[in-house]
């Protein structure tokens, strides 16, 4: 399982997702351009002192990511289209792709998608916060694949 952030814009969201990835030993892929510097103090603050524990790869473009990425299914996310995430069958090698906070994944990227999931929204908001969405999707994927139980047994927590 991996998290992929396509052109993330808001440093605290990326920092929070990096902390999530450190907590779950999940690789994090960042697709440039980024809306901030990796040296940004808000990014570092949200990730606290966990950045050294994040298996992070920065890709100069979407095309570079597609040609150099690890194998596995790309699971695209959208606020308005796709299958509800809780009805989707995640696999252990999936890469969960989340778009930029202000605009989501571009249509030209979504047009290539074989798998698109969404988080149901009942209220008057446009979307769920990116870091919250990443956490919900990642833990659901780990739950479905049995990874949560496996890791719990190995750590005793």
Protein backbone atom coordinates (compact mmCIF):
# COMPACT_ATOMS: atom_id res chain seq x y z
CA UNK A 1 0.00 0.00 0.00
CA UNK A 2 1.20 3.49 -0.80
CA UNK A 3 -0.12 7.06 -0.68
CA UNK A 4 0.36 9.30 -3.72
CA UNK A 5 -0.20 13.05 -3.45
CA UNK A 6 -0.64 14.64 -6.87
CA UNK A 7 0.58 18.26 -6.72
CA UNK A 8 -0.30 18.87 -3.06
CA UNK A 9 -0.82 22.52 -2.16
CA UNK A 10 -1.18 22.91 1.62
CA UNK A 11 1.86 22.18 3.81
CA UNK A 12 0.00 21.14 6.99
CA UNK A 13 -2.04 18.55 5.07
CA UNK A 14 1.07 17.02 3.55
CA UNK A 15 2.82 17.08 6.94
CA UNK A 16 -0.13 15.33 8.56
CA UNK A 17 -0.19 12.71 5.81
CA UNK A 18 3.56 12.20 6.22
CA UNK A 19 2.97 11.57 9.93
CA UNK A 20 0.24 9.06 9.00
CA UNK A 21 2.68 7.34 6.65
CA UNK A 22 5.35 7.21 9.36
CA UNK A 23 2.85 5.74 11.82
CA UNK A 24 1.80 3.03 9.38
CA UNK A 25 5.15 2.55 7.58
CA UNK A 26 3.37 3.41 4.32
CA UNK A 27 5.45 4.84 1.46
CA UNK A 28 4.54 8.40 0.44
CA UNK A 29 4.89 9.63 -3.15
CA UNK A 30 4.82 13.38 -3.83
CA UNK A 31 4.20 14.50 -7.41
CA UNK A 32 5.60 17.92 -8.32
CA UNK A 33 4.98 20.74 -8.61
CA UNK A 34 4.39 21.06 -4.89
CA UNK A 35 2.60 24.14 -3.57
CA UNK A 36 5.35 24.60 -0.99
CA UNK A 37 8.97 23.81 -0.23
CA UNK A 38 9.81 20.59 1.59
CA UNK A 39 11.66 22.89 3.98
CA UNK A 40 8.42 24.73 4.86
CA UNK A 41 8.09 25.18 8.64
CA UNK A 42 4.35 24.37 8.59
CA UNK A 43 5.05 21.16 6.70
CA UNK A 44 7.70 20.17 9.22
CA UNK A 45 5.54 21.18 12.17
CA UNK A 46 2.60 19.05 11.02
CA UNK A 47 4.94 16.09 10.43
CA UNK A 48 6.67 16.79 13.74
CA UNK A 49 9.91 14.89 14.10
CA UNK A 50 8.64 11.94 12.07
CA UNK A 51 9.98 13.02 8.67
CA UNK A 52 13.10 10.84 8.98
CA UNK A 53 10.78 7.83 9.36
CA UNK A 54 8.81 8.51 6.18
CA UNK A 55 9.65 6.42 3.12
CA UNK A 56 9.21 9.40 0.79
CA UNK A 57 9.78 9.75 -2.93
CA UNK A 58 9.43 13.01 -4.82
CA UNK A 59 8.64 12.78 -8.52
CA UNK A 60 9.25 15.72 -10.91
CA UNK A 61 6.04 15.00 -12.86
CA UNK A 62 3.07 12.68 -13.21
CA UNK A 63 4.69 11.13 -16.29
CA UNK A 64 7.88 10.38 -14.32
CA UNK A 65 5.82 8.79 -11.55
CA UNK A 66 3.91 6.61 -14.01
CA UNK A 67 7.10 5.30 -15.64
CA UNK A 68 9.11 4.84 -12.42
CA UNK A 69 6.55 3.87 -9.81
CA UNK A 70 6.23 0.55 -8.04
CA UNK A 71 3.80 -1.94 -9.50
CA UNK A 72 0.28 -2.08 -8.16
CA UNK A 73 -3.12 -0.69 -8.99
CA UNK A 74 -3.64 3.04 -9.03
CA UNK A 75 -6.73 3.85 -6.96
CA UNK A 76 -7.81 7.38 -7.83
CA UNK A 77 -9.95 9.48 -5.52
CA UNK A 78 -12.63 12.02 -6.31
CA UNK A 79 -15.10 14.04 -4.26
CA UNK A 80 -17.87 13.57 -6.82
CA UNK A 81 -17.40 10.41 -8.85
CA UNK A 82 -16.45 6.80 -8.41
CA UNK A 83 -17.46 3.95 -6.19
CA UNK A 84 -17.94 4.61 -2.46
CA UNK A 85 -14.66 3.58 -0.83
CA UNK A 86 -16.37 1.21 1.60
CA UNK A 87 -17.78 -0.81 -1.35
CA UNK A 88 -14.42 -1.03 -3.14
CA UNK A 89 -12.11 -4.03 -2.71
CA UNK A 90 -8.62 -2.76 -1.94
CA UNK A 91 -5.55 -4.90 -2.56
CA UNK A 92 -2.24 -5.00 -0.66
CA UNK A 93 -0.20 -3.38 -3.47
CA UNK A 94 -2.62 -0.51 -4.22
CA UNK A 95 -1.42 3.06 -4.58
CA UNK A 96 -4.05 5.52 -3.33
CA UNK A 97 -3.86 8.72 -5.42
CA UNK A 98 -5.21 11.95 -3.95
CA UNK A 99 -5.41 15.25 -5.82
CA UNK A 100 -4.63 18.82 -4.83
CA UNK A 101 -6.81 20.36 -2.15
CA UNK A 102 -8.35 23.18 -4.19
CA UNK A 103 -9.16 21.34 -7.40
CA UNK A 104 -8.80 17.58 -6.99
CA UNK A 105 -7.33 15.33 -9.65
CA UNK A 106 -7.53 16.83 -13.15
CA UNK A 107 -10.00 15.31 -15.59
CA UNK A 108 -7.20 14.20 -17.93
CA UNK A 109 -5.76 12.09 -15.09
CA UNK A 110 -9.14 10.74 -13.99
CA UNK A 111 -9.95 9.87 -17.61
CA UNK A 112 -7.16 7.26 -17.52
CA UNK A 113 -8.38 5.72 -14.27
CA UNK A 114 -9.56 2.14 -14.04
CA UNK A 115 -10.43 2.52 -10.34
CA UNK A 116 -11.98 5.63 -8.77
CA UNK A 117 -13.29 5.83 -5.21
CA UNK A 118 -15.05 8.58 -3.34
CA UNK A 119 -15.96 9.35 0.23
CA UNK A 120 -19.70 9.96 0.62
CA UNK A 121 -20.54 13.54 1.56
CA UNK A 122 -24.00 14.36 2.90
CA UNK A 123 -23.44 17.91 4.11
CA UNK A 124 -22.95 21.20 2.28
CA UNK A 125 -19.15 20.90 1.96
CA UNK A 126 -17.28 20.43 -1.33
CA UNK A 127 -14.92 17.76 -0.05
CA UNK A 128 -13.35 16.13 2.99
CA UNK A 129 -9.98 17.46 4.17
CA UNK A 130 -7.15 15.78 2.26
CA UNK A 131 -5.34 14.49 5.35
CA UNK A 132 -8.58 13.10 6.78
CA UNK A 133 -9.42 11.42 3.47
CA UNK A 134 -5.95 9.86 3.28
CA UNK A 135 -6.31 8.43 6.80
CA UNK A 136 -9.80 7.02 6.23
CA UNK A 137 -8.85 5.43 2.91
CA UNK A 138 -5.54 4.03 4.11
CA UNK A 139 -6.96 2.42 7.23
CA UNK A 140 -9.91 1.01 5.29
CA UNK A 141 -7.50 -0.47 2.75
CA UNK A 142 -5.38 -1.99 5.53
CA UNK A 143 -8.52 -3.32 7.25
CA UNK A 144 -9.75 -4.97 4.08
CA UNK A 145 -6.42 -6.57 3.25
CA UNK A 146 -5.94 -7.92 6.78
CA UNK A 147 -2.90 -5.73 7.32
CA UNK A 148 -4.33 -4.16 10.48
CA UNK A 149 -4.73 -7.55 12.15
CA UNK A 150 -1.31 -8.74 10.97
CA UNK A 151 0.44 -5.67 12.31
CA UNK A 152 -1.47 -5.73 15.58
CA UNK A 153 -0.32 -9.30 16.18
CA UNK A 154 3.29 -8.37 15.40
CA UNK A 155 3.39 -5.30 17.65
CA UNK A 156 1.10 -6.44 20.43
CA UNK A 157 -0.76 -3.10 20.48
